[in-house]
């Protein structure tokens, strides 16, 4: 189940509805006066959640990742993008 923040542009009323993705499509057809409210970035999926470099996150959260990348660096010495990154 997903939570969708919605707004009625005519009245300015805001609320949240909880339903499946499949039900959301039907609900939009049945309620044309309501639209998805994108004004709050924290309610958007994937927005504002992932901040930072993914490589640093992998190295800090997965202890073996740095070792794997060191092996890649030794094996791929001809590729400067690998040797410069790790």
Protein backbone atom coordinates (compact mmCIF):
# COMPACT_ATOMS: atom_id res chain seq x y z
CA UNK A 1 0.00 0.00 0.00
CA UNK A 2 1.22 3.43 -0.90
CA UNK A 3 0.28 6.79 0.55
CA UNK A 4 -0.48 9.52 -1.95
CA UNK A 5 -0.62 13.19 -0.91
CA UNK A 6 -3.31 14.84 -3.02
CA UNK A 7 -4.73 18.32 -3.47
CA UNK A 8 -7.90 19.73 -4.92
CA UNK A 9 -6.73 22.77 -6.93
CA UNK A 10 -10.20 24.31 -6.96
CA UNK A 11 -10.71 24.30 -3.17
CA UNK A 12 -7.10 24.05 -1.97
CA UNK A 13 -8.03 21.09 0.24
CA UNK A 14 -5.17 18.68 0.89
CA UNK A 15 -5.28 15.11 2.18
CA UNK A 16 -3.56 11.75 1.92
CA UNK A 17 -5.07 8.57 0.54
CA UNK A 18 -3.68 5.09 1.04
CA UNK A 19 -4.19 2.48 -1.67
CA UNK A 20 -2.38 0.15 -4.03
CA UNK A 21 -0.85 1.36 -7.27
CA UNK A 22 -3.56 -0.42 -9.25
CA UNK A 23 -6.31 1.23 -7.22
CA UNK A 24 -4.62 4.63 -7.64
CA UNK A 25 -5.20 4.61 -11.41
CA UNK A 26 -8.90 3.86 -10.95
CA UNK A 27 -9.20 6.46 -8.18
CA UNK A 28 -7.72 9.16 -10.44
CA UNK A 29 -10.34 8.40 -13.09
CA UNK A 30 -13.15 8.48 -10.54
CA UNK A 31 -11.92 11.73 -8.92
CA UNK A 32 -10.77 14.08 -11.71
CA UNK A 33 -10.85 17.15 -9.42
CA UNK A 34 -7.98 15.79 -7.30
CA UNK A 35 -4.33 15.76 -8.36
CA UNK A 36 -1.14 14.47 -6.84
CA UNK A 37 0.45 17.04 -4.51
CA UNK A 38 4.16 17.40 -5.33
CA UNK A 39 4.74 20.44 -3.10
CA UNK A 40 6.33 18.42 -0.26
CA UNK A 41 9.52 16.72 -1.53
CA UNK A 42 9.68 14.40 1.49
CA UNK A 43 6.50 12.69 0.32
CA UNK A 44 7.92 11.86 -3.09
CA UNK A 45 9.35 8.39 -3.60
CA UNK A 46 13.10 8.43 -3.82
CA UNK A 47 13.40 12.18 -3.44
CA UNK A 48 15.43 13.60 -0.61
CA UNK A 49 16.21 10.15 0.73
CA UNK A 50 19.36 9.26 -1.14
CA UNK A 51 21.97 11.94 -0.62
CA UNK A 52 25.67 11.47 -1.17
CA UNK A 53 28.00 9.39 -3.27
CA UNK A 54 26.85 5.79 -3.71
CA UNK A 55 30.45 4.52 -3.74
CA UNK A 56 31.15 5.97 -0.31
CA UNK A 57 27.92 4.49 1.02
CA UNK A 58 28.85 1.06 -0.27
CA UNK A 59 32.33 1.22 1.23
CA UNK A 60 31.05 2.30 4.62
CA UNK A 61 28.03 -0.02 4.82
CA UNK A 62 29.52 -3.14 3.21
CA UNK A 63 32.89 -4.02 4.77
CA UNK A 64 34.05 -6.24 1.90
CA UNK A 65 33.32 -3.71 -0.85
CA UNK A 66 36.67 -1.92 -0.53
CA UNK A 67 38.53 -5.23 -0.88
CA UNK A 68 36.54 -6.11 -3.99
CA UNK A 69 37.33 -2.74 -5.55
CA UNK A 70 41.02 -3.10 -4.69
CA UNK A 71 41.06 -6.39 -6.63
CA UNK A 72 39.32 -4.67 -9.54
CA UNK A 73 41.86 -1.87 -9.41
CA UNK A 74 44.77 -4.31 -9.64
CA UNK A 75 43.13 -6.27 -12.46
CA UNK A 76 42.00 -3.22 -14.41
CA UNK A 77 45.18 -1.12 -14.35
CA UNK A 78 44.57 0.05 -17.93
CA UNK A 79 41.26 1.74 -17.11
CA UNK A 80 42.03 5.11 -15.45
CA UNK A 81 38.44 5.62 -14.28
CA UNK A 82 38.76 2.61 -11.98
CA UNK A 83 42.22 3.44 -10.65
CA UNK A 84 41.30 7.05 -9.95
CA UNK A 85 38.03 6.24 -8.19
CA UNK A 86 39.30 3.57 -5.79
